[in-house]
């Protein structure tokens, strides 16, 4: 199959053309901070809710990872803050335990939702906002993850590349090109449309589970930048990846993370990284459908550049 190494490298001018073609700058007004979330209407949410038929629910996230690893240099810190030896005044036999955790929101081992302020390109974040006006030392000034506080609930569609290829996973370093992406989409029996959330499986989580962590920051499977033109035309609200969408190393001249650079600053796509789509893949096969009702509920982090997230697919 075509790979990142086999694909023609993108020149900076070709990248810039895709960026311009996909750009939603000004589409919803100069002050818009929601980006592609504008595509999602109440009518589309009601329509998506009708996909619930069996009541089966599936988590699409990893457990919070407290283990130091090649792809997890900053693991989650989790500790008991008070235990059974703590009493609360005149509480008698009552005992209460409590804990706390802290984590980096972004990374290759934490399932998370990116806010639109998370990525800037050429001095701007989404909708032409200068970097200095988007984030300061105290957090996001604009386009924070809290703008999605009411949740993203819509139709989810799984495109399962390993199933399409009849392989365990897509090898790290490979980039899926538009022709293969469209063929895999056709194999689902459905087509991405306005307001959808695409979940894109490379088998990253299966490889990690079976073979152990690797330096994913420097080698992972993803999509080719040209695929984003398809996603732009379909007017989807966002994408969730079991990697982060990037084919690493990049084959784009002068742009290390071209997928993020176009998806977020240009398109305003709400993007989820480092999901675990293995259970979802098995469920789709068992249910014989690759569309479902999807709920995404980020934490209400007022100035956050993102949030831990546990997307739930409902069949």
C-alpha atoms as a PDB file:
ATOM      1  CA  UNK A   1       0.000   0.000   0.000  1.00  0.00           C
ATOM      2  CA  UNK A   2       1.007   3.629  -0.405  1.00  0.00           C
ATOM      3  CA  UNK A   3       3.026   4.976   2.476  1.00  0.00           C
ATOM      4  CA  UNK A   4       4.378   8.270   3.675  1.00  0.00           C
ATOM      5  CA  UNK A   5       7.724   7.303   2.230  1.00  0.00           C
ATOM      6  CA  UNK A   6       6.110   6.410  -1.112  1.00  0.00           C
ATOM      7  CA  UNK A   7       3.932   9.505  -1.353  1.00  0.00           C
ATOM      8  CA  UNK A   8       5.255  12.465  -3.244  1.00  0.00           C
ATOM      9  CA  UNK A   9       6.669  14.964  -0.707  1.00  0.00           C
ATOM     10  CA  UNK A  10       4.670  18.152  -0.388  1.00  0.00           C
ATOM     11  CA  UNK A  11       6.477  21.378  -1.156  1.00  0.00           C
ATOM     12  CA  UNK A  12       5.772  24.376   1.033  1.00  0.00           C
ATOM     13  CA  UNK A  13       3.819  25.970  -1.807  1.00  0.00           C
ATOM     14  CA  UNK A  14       1.634  22.849  -2.137  1.00  0.00           C
ATOM     15  CA  UNK A  15       1.039  22.864   1.615  1.00  0.00           C
ATOM     16  CA  UNK A  16       0.115  26.546   1.488  1.00  0.00           C
ATOM     17  CA  UNK A  17      -2.384  25.813  -1.280  1.00  0.00           C
ATOM     18  CA  UNK A  18      -4.105  23.106   0.785  1.00  0.00           C
ATOM     19  CA  UNK A  19      -4.118  25.449   3.794  1.00  0.00           C
ATOM     20  CA  UNK A  20      -5.798  28.182   1.732  1.00  0.00           C
ATOM     21  CA  UNK A  21      -8.306  25.796   0.154  1.00  0.00           C
ATOM     22  CA  UNK A  22      -9.350  24.422   3.557  1.00  0.00           C
ATOM     23  CA  UNK A  23      -9.386  27.743   5.417  1.00  0.00           C
ATOM     24  CA  UNK A  24     -12.599  28.767   7.178  1.00  0.00           C
ATOM     25  CA  UNK A  25     -11.215  32.169   8.178  1.00  0.00           C
ATOM     26  CA  UNK A  26     -14.087  34.636   8.328  1.00  0.00           C
ATOM     27  CA  UNK A  27     -16.693  32.055   7.297  1.00  0.00           C
ATOM     28  CA  UNK A  28     -18.744  32.586  10.467  1.00  0.00           C
ATOM     29  CA  UNK A  29     -17.674  36.157  11.115  1.00  0.00           C
ATOM     30  CA  UNK A  30     -14.458  37.795  12.286  1.00  0.00           C
ATOM     31  CA  UNK A  31     -15.188  37.113  15.977  1.00  0.00           C
ATOM     32  CA  UNK A  32     -16.069  33.423  15.644  1.00  0.00           C
ATOM     33  CA  UNK A  33     -14.330  31.072  18.093  1.00  0.00           C
ATOM     34  CA  UNK A  34     -16.267  27.845  17.466  1.00  0.00           C
ATOM     35  CA  UNK A  35     -14.839  26.908  14.095  1.00  0.00           C
ATOM     36  CA  UNK A  36     -16.309  23.751  12.566  1.00  0.00           C
ATOM     37  CA  UNK A  37     -18.578  23.342  15.581  1.00  0.00           C
ATOM     38  CA  UNK A  38     -20.790  25.824  13.729  1.00  0.00           C
ATOM     39  CA  UNK A  39     -21.740  23.013  11.346  1.00  0.00           C
ATOM     40  CA  UNK A  40     -23.448  21.095  14.145  1.00  0.00           C
ATOM     41  CA  UNK A  41     -27.101  22.166  14.421  1.00  0.00           C
ATOM     42  CA  UNK A  42     -29.810  20.958  16.828  1.00  0.00           C
ATOM     43  CA  UNK A  43     -31.487  19.262  13.871  1.00  0.00           C
ATOM     44  CA  UNK A  44     -28.353  17.242  13.114  1.00  0.00           C
ATOM     45  CA  UNK A  45     -28.060  16.220  16.779  1.00  0.00           C
ATOM     46  CA  UNK A  46     -31.659  14.959  16.800  1.00  0.00           C
ATOM     47  CA  UNK A  47     -30.999  13.079  13.571  1.00  0.00           C
ATOM     48  CA  UNK A  48     -27.847  11.492  15.034  1.00  0.00           C
ATOM     49  CA  UNK A  49     -29.697  10.430  18.190  1.00  0.00           C
ATOM     50  CA  UNK A  50     -31.882   8.163  16.067  1.00  0.00           C
ATOM     51  CA  UNK A  51     -28.839   5.940  15.520  1.00  0.00           C
ATOM     52  CA  UNK A  52     -29.317   4.583  19.056  1.00  0.00           C
ATOM     53  CA  UNK A  53     -30.941   1.189  18.530  1.00  0.00           C
ATOM     54  CA  UNK A  54     -29.394  -1.400  20.854  1.00  0.00           C
ATOM     55  CA  UNK A  55     -28.220   0.863  23.681  1.00  0.00           C
ATOM     56  CA  UNK A  56     -24.695  -0.578  23.522  1.00  0.00           C
ATOM     57  CA  UNK A  57     -22.027   1.888  24.706  1.00  0.00           C
ATOM     58  CA  UNK A  58     -18.295   1.882  23.949  1.00  0.00           C
ATOM     59  CA  UNK A  59     -15.500   4.022  25.412  1.00  0.00           C
ATOM     60  CA  UNK A  60     -12.990   5.359  22.896  1.00  0.00           C
ATOM     61  CA  UNK A  61     -10.289   6.453  25.381  1.00  0.00           C
ATOM     62  CA  UNK A  62      -7.245   5.031  27.110  1.00  0.00           C
ATOM     63  CA  UNK A  63      -7.134   4.666  30.878  1.00  0.00           C
ATOM     64  CA  UNK A  64      -5.118   7.481  32.460  1.00  0.00           C
ATOM     65  CA  UNK A  65      -1.539   6.246  32.159  1.00  0.00           C
ATOM     66  CA  UNK A  66       0.662   6.628  35.240  1.00  0.00           C
ATOM     67  CA  UNK A  67       3.588   4.643  33.802  1.00  0.00           C
ATOM     68  CA  UNK A  68       6.686   6.357  32.437  1.00  0.00           C
ATOM     69  CA  UNK A  69       7.289   5.119  28.898  1.00  0.00           C
ATOM     70  CA  UNK A  70       8.806   5.840  25.507  1.00  0.00           C
ATOM     71  CA  UNK A  71       5.606   7.562  24.413  1.00  0.00           C
ATOM     72  CA  UNK A  72       4.702   8.867  27.863  1.00  0.00           C
ATOM     73  CA  UNK A  73       7.565  10.985  29.210  1.00  0.00           C
ATOM     74  CA  UNK A  74       5.163  12.908  31.475  1.00  0.00           C
ATOM     75  CA  UNK A  75       2.855  10.291  32.973  1.00  0.00           C
ATOM     76  CA  UNK A  76      -0.283  11.077  34.929  1.00  0.00           C
ATOM     77  CA  UNK A  77       0.371  11.612  38.643  1.00  0.00           C
ATOM     78  CA  UNK A  78      -2.265   9.899  40.798  1.00  0.00           C
ATOM     79  CA  UNK A  79      -2.212   9.637  44.574  1.00  0.00           C
ATOM     80  CA  UNK A  80      -4.468   9.140  47.558  1.00  0.00           C
ATOM     81  CA  UNK A  81      -4.989  12.503  49.251  1.00  0.00           C
ATOM     82  CA  UNK A  82      -6.763  11.076  52.305  1.00  0.00           C
ATOM     83  CA  UNK A  83      -7.474   7.496  53.293  1.00  0.00           C
ATOM     84  CA  UNK A  84      -9.257   5.351  55.881  1.00  0.00           C
ATOM     85  CA  UNK A  85      -7.078   6.678  58.701  1.00  0.00           C
ATOM     86  CA  UNK A  86      -8.656  10.121  58.260  1.00  0.00           C
ATOM     87  CA  UNK A  87     -11.635  10.982  60.440  1.00  0.00           C
ATOM     88  CA  UNK A  88     -14.090  13.815  59.979  1.00  0.00           C
ATOM     89  CA  UNK A  89     -14.997  15.126  63.396  1.00  0.00           C
ATOM     90  CA  UNK A  90     -17.810  13.227  65.020  1.00  0.00           C
ATOM     91  CA  UNK A  91     -18.349  10.898  62.046  1.00  0.00           C
ATOM     92  CA  UNK A  92     -18.503   7.648  64.010  1.00  0.00           C
ATOM     93  CA  UNK A  93     -17.844   4.599  61.837  1.00  0.00           C
ATOM     94  CA  UNK A  94     -17.991   6.600  58.595  1.00  0.00           C
ATOM     95  CA  UNK A  95     -14.756   6.635  56.584  1.00  0.00           C
ATOM     96  CA  UNK A  96     -14.103   8.439  53.283  1.00  0.00           C
ATOM     97  CA  UNK A  97     -11.181   8.054  50.878  1.00  0.00           C
ATOM     98  CA  UNK A  98     -10.109  10.662  48.341  1.00  0.00           C
ATOM     99  CA  UNK A  99      -7.497  11.119  45.665  1.00  0.00           C
ATOM    100  CA  UNK A 100      -6.048  13.651  43.240  1.00  0.00           C
ATOM    101  CA  UNK A 101      -4.435  13.520  39.829  1.00  0.00           C
ATOM    102  CA  UNK A 102      -2.472  15.853  37.598  1.00  0.00           C
ATOM    103  CA  UNK A 103      -1.483  15.470  33.973  1.00  0.00           C
ATOM    104  CA  UNK A 104      -0.275  17.095  30.799  1.00  0.00           C
ATOM    105  CA  UNK A 105      -3.367  17.433  28.626  1.00  0.00           C
ATOM    106  CA  UNK A 106      -1.527  16.862  25.351  1.00  0.00           C
ATOM    107  CA  UNK A 107       0.720  13.939  24.452  1.00  0.00           C
ATOM    108  CA  UNK A 108       0.901  10.541  22.771  1.00  0.00           C
ATOM    109  CA  UNK A 109      -0.489   8.556  25.722  1.00  0.00           C
ATOM    110  CA  UNK A 110      -3.365  10.727  26.966  1.00  0.00           C
ATOM    111  CA  UNK A 111      -6.768  10.764  25.219  1.00  0.00           C
ATOM    112  CA  UNK A 112      -7.632  14.426  24.828  1.00  0.00           C
ATOM    113  CA  UNK A 113      -9.542  17.070  22.907  1.00  0.00           C
ATOM    114  CA  UNK A 114      -7.600  19.979  21.406  1.00  0.00           C
ATOM    115  CA  UNK A 115      -9.031  23.468  21.765  1.00  0.00           C
ATOM    116  CA  UNK A 116      -8.734  25.722  18.726  1.00  0.00           C
ATOM    117  CA  UNK A 117      -6.159  27.844  20.563  1.00  0.00           C
ATOM    118  CA  UNK A 118      -3.852  24.817  20.904  1.00  0.00           C
ATOM    119  CA  UNK A 119      -2.103  25.236  17.534  1.00  0.00           C
ATOM    120  CA  UNK A 120      -0.924  28.368  15.784  1.00  0.00           C
ATOM    121  CA  UNK A 121       0.575  28.703  12.335  1.00  0.00           C
ATOM    122  CA  UNK A 122       2.294  31.659  10.646  1.00  0.00           C
ATOM    123  CA  UNK A 123       1.638  33.849  13.675  1.00  0.00           C
ATOM    124  CA  UNK A 124      -2.078  33.120  14.007  1.00  0.00           C
ATOM    125  CA  UNK A 125      -4.539  30.686  15.520  1.00  0.00           C
ATOM    126  CA  UNK A 126      -7.942  29.928  13.983  1.00  0.00           C
ATOM    127  CA  UNK A 127      -9.785  32.793  12.301  1.00  0.00           C
ATOM    128  CA  UNK A 128      -6.710  35.002  12.027  1.00  0.00           C
ATOM    129  CA  UNK A 129      -6.304  35.738  15.734  1.00  0.00           C
ATOM    130  CA  UNK A 130      -2.676  36.733  16.503  1.00  0.00           C
ATOM    131  CA  UNK A 131      -0.846  34.326  18.816  1.00  0.00           C
ATOM    132  CA  UNK A 132      -0.397  36.992  21.479  1.00  0.00           C
ATOM    133  CA  UNK A 133      -4.163  37.532  21.626  1.00  0.00           C
ATOM    134  CA  UNK A 134      -4.931  33.823  21.972  1.00  0.00           C
ATOM    135  CA  UNK A 135      -2.813  32.680  24.932  1.00  0.00           C
ATOM    136  CA  UNK A 136      -0.816  34.345  27.682  1.00  0.00           C
ATOM    137  CA  UNK A 137       1.022  32.928  30.687  1.00  0.00           C
ATOM    138  CA  UNK A 138      -2.274  32.346  32.504  1.00  0.00           C
ATOM    139  CA  UNK A 139      -3.919  30.335  29.750  1.00  0.00           C
ATOM    140  CA  UNK A 140      -6.228  30.824  26.804  1.00  0.00           C
ATOM    141  CA  UNK A 141      -7.630  34.280  26.130  1.00  0.00           C
ATOM    142  CA  UNK A 142      -9.680  33.083  23.160  1.00  0.00           C
ATOM    143  CA  UNK A 143     -10.816  29.770  21.676  1.00  0.00           C
ATOM    144  CA  UNK A 144     -10.416  27.785  24.902  1.00  0.00           C
ATOM    145  CA  UNK A 145     -11.734  24.254  25.307  1.00  0.00           C
ATOM    146  CA  UNK A 146     -14.471  25.637  27.546  1.00  0.00           C
ATOM    147  CA  UNK A 147     -16.288  26.759  24.396  1.00  0.00           C
ATOM    148  CA  UNK A 148     -17.243  23.074  24.038  1.00  0.00           C
ATOM    149  CA  UNK A 149     -18.609  22.979  27.595  1.00  0.00           C
ATOM    150  CA  UNK A 150     -22.029  21.812  26.409  1.00  0.00           C
ATOM    151  CA  UNK A 151     -20.452  18.815  24.738  1.00  0.00           C
ATOM    152  CA  UNK A 152     -20.094  17.651  21.161  1.00  0.00           C
ATOM    153  CA  UNK A 153     -22.862  15.171  20.387  1.00  0.00           C
ATOM    154  CA  UNK A 154     -23.270  14.076  16.807  1.00  0.00           C
ATOM    155  CA  UNK A 155     -23.025  11.199  14.356  1.00  0.00           C
ATOM    156  CA  UNK A 156     -19.679   9.430  14.597  1.00  0.00           C
ATOM    157  CA  UNK A 157     -18.246   7.479  11.671  1.00  0.00           C
ATOM    158  CA  UNK A 158     -15.364   5.027  12.045  1.00  0.00           C
ATOM    159  CA  UNK A 159     -12.957   4.613   9.157  1.00  0.00           C
ATOM    160  CA  UNK A 160     -10.970   1.522  10.059  1.00  0.00           C
ATOM    161  CA  UNK A 161      -7.847   1.349   7.912  1.00  0.00           C
ATOM    162  CA  UNK A 162      -6.415  -1.935   9.283  1.00  0.00           C
ATOM    163  CA  UNK A 163      -9.743  -3.678   8.691  1.00  0.00           C
ATOM    164  CA  UNK A 164      -9.827  -2.294   5.151  1.00  0.00           C
ATOM    165  CA  UNK A 165      -6.285  -3.540   4.519  1.00  0.00           C
ATOM    166  CA  UNK A 166      -6.864  -6.805   6.407  1.00  0.00           C
ATOM    167  CA  UNK A 167      -3.859  -6.053   8.614  1.00  0.00           C
ATOM    168  CA  UNK A 168      -3.253  -5.657  12.346  1.00  0.00           C
ATOM    169  CA  UNK A 169      -2.266  -2.017  12.053  1.00  0.00           C
ATOM    170  CA  UNK A 170      -0.838   0.605   9.732  1.00  0.00           C
ATOM    171  CA  UNK A 171       2.915   0.704  10.160  1.00  0.00           C
ATOM    172  CA  UNK A 172       4.305   3.814  11.879  1.00  0.00           C
ATOM    173  CA  UNK A 173       5.532   6.280   9.279  1.00  0.00           C
ATOM    174  CA  UNK A 174       2.801   5.538   6.731  1.00  0.00           C
ATOM    175  CA  UNK A 175       0.434   8.208   5.422  1.00  0.00           C
ATOM    176  CA  UNK A 176      -2.979   7.319   4.020  1.00  0.00           C
ATOM    177  CA  UNK A 177      -3.579   9.006   0.664  1.00  0.00           C
ATOM    178  CA  UNK A 178      -6.951  10.301  -0.589  1.00  0.00           C
ATOM    179  CA  UNK A 179      -7.676   7.371  -2.928  1.00  0.00           C
ATOM    180  CA  UNK A 180      -7.280   4.806  -0.162  1.00  0.00           C
ATOM    181  CA  UNK A 181      -9.133   6.982   2.338  1.00  0.00           C
ATOM    182  CA  UNK A 182     -12.136   7.198   0.007  1.00  0.00           C
ATOM    183  CA  UNK A 183     -12.041   3.461  -0.668  1.00  0.00           C
ATOM    184  CA  UNK A 184     -12.009   2.727   3.073  1.00  0.00           C
ATOM    185  CA  UNK A 185     -14.873   5.171   3.573  1.00  0.00           C
ATOM    186  CA  UNK A 186     -16.898   3.441   0.835  1.00  0.00           C
ATOM    187  CA  UNK A 187     -16.292   0.098   2.569  1.00  0.00           C
ATOM    188  CA  UNK A 188     -18.202   1.388   5.617  1.00  0.00           C
ATOM    189  CA  UNK A 189     -21.382   1.755   3.585  1.00  0.00           C
ATOM    190  CA  UNK A 190     -21.769   5.356   4.701  1.00  0.00           C
ATOM    191  CA  UNK A 191     -20.367   8.734   3.736  1.00  0.00           C
ATOM    192  CA  UNK A 192     -19.107  11.565   5.891  1.00  0.00           C
ATOM    193  CA  UNK A 193     -21.449  14.533   5.855  1.00  0.00           C
ATOM    194  CA  UNK A 194     -22.035  17.909   7.477  1.00  0.00           C
ATOM    195  CA  UNK A 195     -21.665  17.883  11.267  1.00  0.00           C
ATOM    196  CA  UNK A 196     -20.106  14.414  11.540  1.00  0.00           C
ATOM    197  CA  UNK A 197     -17.181  13.473  13.758  1.00  0.00           C
ATOM    198  CA  UNK A 198     -14.733  11.170  11.990  1.00  0.00           C
ATOM    199  CA  UNK A 199     -12.938   8.562  14.095  1.00  0.00           C
ATOM    200  CA  UNK A 200      -9.880   7.325  12.216  1.00  0.00           C
ATOM    201  CA  UNK A 201      -8.249   4.050  13.241  1.00  0.00           C
ATOM    202  CA  UNK A 202      -4.684   3.100  12.293  1.00  0.00           C
ATOM    203  CA  UNK A 203      -4.386   0.314  14.888  1.00  0.00           C
ATOM    204  CA  UNK A 204      -1.926   2.394  16.923  1.00  0.00           C
ATOM    205  CA  UNK A 205      -3.492   1.194  20.179  1.00  0.00           C
ATOM    206  CA  UNK A 206      -3.369  -2.473  19.142  1.00  0.00           C
ATOM    207  CA  UNK A 207       0.311  -2.219  18.227  1.00  0.00           C
ATOM    208  CA  UNK A 208       1.037  -0.522  21.563  1.00  0.00           C
ATOM    209  CA  UNK A 209      -0.876  -3.194  23.486  1.00  0.00           C
ATOM    210  CA  UNK A 210       0.720  -6.133  21.658  1.00  0.00           C
ATOM    211  CA  UNK A 211       4.285  -4.896  21.138  1.00  0.00           C
ATOM    212  CA  UNK A 212       4.649  -2.218  23.810  1.00  0.00           C
ATOM    213  CA  UNK A 213       5.207   1.544  23.627  1.00  0.00           C
ATOM    214  CA  UNK A 214       7.587   3.078  21.119  1.00  0.00           C
ATOM    215  CA  UNK A 215       8.837   6.606  20.440  1.00  0.00           C
ATOM    216  CA  UNK A 216       5.578   7.617  18.795  1.00  0.00           C
ATOM    217  CA  UNK A 217       6.545  11.288  18.762  1.00  0.00           C
ATOM    218  CA  UNK A 218       9.051  10.435  16.025  1.00  0.00           C
ATOM    219  CA  UNK A 219       7.259   7.657  14.158  1.00  0.00           C
ATOM    220  CA  UNK A 220       3.536   7.118  13.726  1.00  0.00           C
ATOM    221  CA  UNK A 221       0.925   6.454  11.050  1.00  0.00           C
ATOM    222  CA  UNK A 222      -1.577   9.081   9.949  1.00  0.00           C
ATOM    223  CA  UNK A 223      -3.192  10.747   6.966  1.00  0.00           C
ATOM    224  CA  UNK A 224      -1.664  12.644   4.093  1.00  0.00           C
ATOM    225  CA  UNK A 225      -2.289  16.398   4.131  1.00  0.00           C
ATOM    226  CA  UNK A 226      -4.301  16.139   0.916  1.00  0.00           C
ATOM    227  CA  UNK A 227      -6.980  14.107   2.753  1.00  0.00           C
ATOM    228  CA  UNK A 228      -7.905  17.273   4.639  1.00  0.00           C
ATOM    229  CA  UNK A 229      -9.388  18.695   1.439  1.00  0.00           C
ATOM    230  CA  UNK A 230     -11.932  15.853   1.518  1.00  0.00           C
ATOM    231  CA  UNK A 231     -12.760  16.560   5.154  1.00  0.00           C
ATOM    232  CA  UNK A 232     -13.137  20.254   4.372  1.00  0.00           C
ATOM    233  CA  UNK A 233     -15.557  19.544   1.534  1.00  0.00           C
ATOM    234  CA  UNK A 234     -17.641  17.253   3.791  1.00  0.00           C
ATOM    235  CA  UNK A 235     -18.003  19.997   6.446  1.00  0.00           C
ATOM    236  CA  UNK A 236     -17.323  17.688   9.374  1.00  0.00           C
ATOM    237  CA  UNK A 237     -17.093  19.059  12.907  1.00  0.00           C
ATOM    238  CA  UNK A 238     -13.911  17.222  13.888  1.00  0.00           C
ATOM    239  CA  UNK A 239     -11.703  14.140  13.894  1.00  0.00           C
ATOM    240  CA  UNK A 240     -10.556  11.680  16.539  1.00  0.00           C
ATOM    241  CA  UNK A 241      -7.382   9.685  15.933  1.00  0.00           C
ATOM    242  CA  UNK A 242      -5.821   6.723  17.709  1.00  0.00           C
ATOM    243  CA  UNK A 243      -2.514   8.464  16.962  1.00  0.00           C
ATOM    244  CA  UNK A 244      -2.754  12.174  16.279  1.00  0.00           C
ATOM    245  CA  UNK A 245      -3.415  12.167  12.553  1.00  0.00           C
ATOM    246  CA  UNK A 246       0.178  12.971  11.689  1.00  0.00           C
ATOM    247  CA  UNK A 247       2.294  10.647   9.578  1.00  0.00           C
ATOM    248  CA  UNK A 248       5.654  11.036  11.291  1.00  0.00           C
ATOM    249  CA  UNK A 249       8.220  11.833  10.051  1.00  0.00           C
ATOM    250  CA  UNK A 250       6.528  14.573   8.050  1.00  0.00           C
ATOM    251  CA  UNK A 251       6.824  14.554   4.274  1.00  0.00           C
ATOM    252  CA  UNK A 252       5.912  18.234   4.064  1.00  0.00           C
ATOM    253  CA  UNK A 253       8.671  20.737   3.391  1.00  0.00           C
ATOM    254  CA  UNK A 254       9.282  22.953   6.402  1.00  0.00           C
ATOM    255  CA  UNK A 255       6.172  21.885   8.365  1.00  0.00           C
ATOM    256  CA  UNK A 256       6.688  19.342  11.132  1.00  0.00           C
ATOM    257  CA  UNK A 257       2.998  18.702  11.903  1.00  0.00           C
ATOM    258  CA  UNK A 258       1.060  19.581   8.745  1.00  0.00           C
ATOM    259  CA  UNK A 259      -2.184  17.857   9.794  1.00  0.00           C
ATOM    260  CA  UNK A 260      -2.508  19.917  12.967  1.00  0.00           C
ATOM    261  CA  UNK A 261      -1.322  23.045  11.154  1.00  0.00           C
ATOM    262  CA  UNK A 262      -4.190  22.827   8.660  1.00  0.00           C
ATOM    263  CA  UNK A 263      -6.897  21.130  10.760  1.00  0.00           C
ATOM    264  CA  UNK A 264      -6.938  23.579  13.645  1.00  0.00           C
ATOM    265  CA  UNK A 265      -5.651  27.037  12.545  1.00  0.00           C
ATOM    266  CA  UNK A 266      -7.175  26.837   9.045  1.00  0.00           C
ATOM    267  CA  UNK A 267     -10.261  24.638   9.371  1.00  0.00           C
ATOM    268  CA  UNK A 268     -11.181  25.058  13.025  1.00  0.00           C
ATOM    269  CA  UNK A 269     -11.642  21.292  13.380  1.00  0.00           C
ATOM    270  CA  UNK A 270     -12.186  19.975  16.905  1.00  0.00           C
ATOM    271  CA  UNK A 271      -9.531  17.308  17.116  1.00  0.00           C
ATOM    272  CA  UNK A 272      -9.080  14.382  19.505  1.00  0.00           C
ATOM    273  CA  UNK A 273      -5.710  12.665  19.782  1.00  0.00           C
ATOM    274  CA  UNK A 274      -4.454   9.429  21.324  1.00  0.00           C
ATOM    275  CA  UNK A 275      -7.774   7.596  21.438  1.00  0.00           C
ATOM    276  CA  UNK A 276      -8.141   3.841  21.831  1.00  0.00           C
ATOM    277  CA  UNK A 277     -10.436   2.649  19.040  1.00  0.00           C
ATOM    278  CA  UNK A 278      -9.920  -1.099  19.440  1.00  0.00           C
ATOM    279  CA  UNK A 279     -13.173  -1.822  21.294  1.00  0.00           C
ATOM    280  CA  UNK A 280     -15.047   0.445  18.878  1.00  0.00           C
ATOM    281  CA  UNK A 281     -13.633  -1.445  15.895  1.00  0.00           C
ATOM    282  CA  UNK A 282     -14.815  -4.791  17.303  1.00  0.00           C
ATOM    283  CA  UNK A 283     -18.231  -3.378  18.157  1.00  0.00           C
ATOM    284  CA  UNK A 284     -18.728  -1.935  14.674  1.00  0.00           C
ATOM    285  CA  UNK A 285     -17.968  -5.347  13.188  1.00  0.00           C
ATOM    286  CA  UNK A 286     -20.374  -7.080  15.573  1.00  0.00           C
ATOM    287  CA  UNK A 287     -23.111  -4.489  14.982  1.00  0.00           C
ATOM    288  CA  UNK A 288     -22.328  -4.454  11.243  1.00  0.00           C
ATOM    289  CA  UNK A 289     -22.399  -0.677  11.056  1.00  0.00           C
ATOM    290  CA  UNK A 290     -19.778   2.045  11.203  1.00  0.00           C
ATOM    291  CA  UNK A 291     -22.006   4.963  12.207  1.00  0.00           C
ATOM    292  CA  UNK A 292     -23.196   5.638  15.749  1.00  0.00           C
ATOM    293  CA  UNK A 293     -24.287   8.358  18.157  1.00  0.00           C
ATOM    294  CA  UNK A 294     -21.172   9.920  19.673  1.00  0.00           C
ATOM    295  CA  UNK A 295     -20.887  11.982  22.846  1.00  0.00           C
ATOM    296  CA  UNK A 296     -17.785  14.007  23.787  1.00  0.00           C
ATOM    297  CA  UNK A 297     -17.772  15.829  27.127  1.00  0.00           C
ATOM    298  CA  UNK A 298     -14.613  17.868  27.854  1.00  0.00           C
ATOM    299  CA  UNK A 299     -13.925  19.174  31.337  1.00  0.00           C
ATOM    300  CA  UNK A 300     -14.863  22.807  31.925  1.00  0.00           C
ATOM    301  CA  UNK A 301     -11.347  24.223  31.908  1.00  0.00           C
ATOM    302  CA  UNK A 302     -11.989  27.932  31.439  1.00  0.00           C
ATOM    303  CA  UNK A 303      -8.601  28.841  29.940  1.00  0.00           C
ATOM    304  CA  UNK A 304      -7.603  25.372  28.767  1.00  0.00           C
ATOM    305  CA  UNK A 305      -5.819  24.520  25.533  1.00  0.00           C
ATOM    306  CA  UNK A 306      -7.529  21.140  25.681  1.00  0.00           C
ATOM    307  CA  UNK A 307      -9.115  18.598  27.998  1.00  0.00           C
ATOM    308  CA  UNK A 308      -8.862  14.927  28.900  1.00  0.00           C
ATOM    309  CA  UNK A 309     -11.780  13.236  27.212  1.00  0.00           C
ATOM    310  CA  UNK A 310     -13.631   9.913  27.159  1.00  0.00           C
ATOM    311  CA  UNK A 311     -15.737   9.811  23.978  1.00  0.00           C
ATOM    312  CA  UNK A 312     -18.645   7.350  24.159  1.00  0.00           C
ATOM    313  CA  UNK A 313     -20.073   5.688  21.053  1.00  0.00           C
ATOM    314  CA  UNK A 314     -23.686   4.577  21.439  1.00  0.00           C
ATOM    315  CA  UNK A 315     -25.259   1.991  19.134  1.00  0.00           C
END
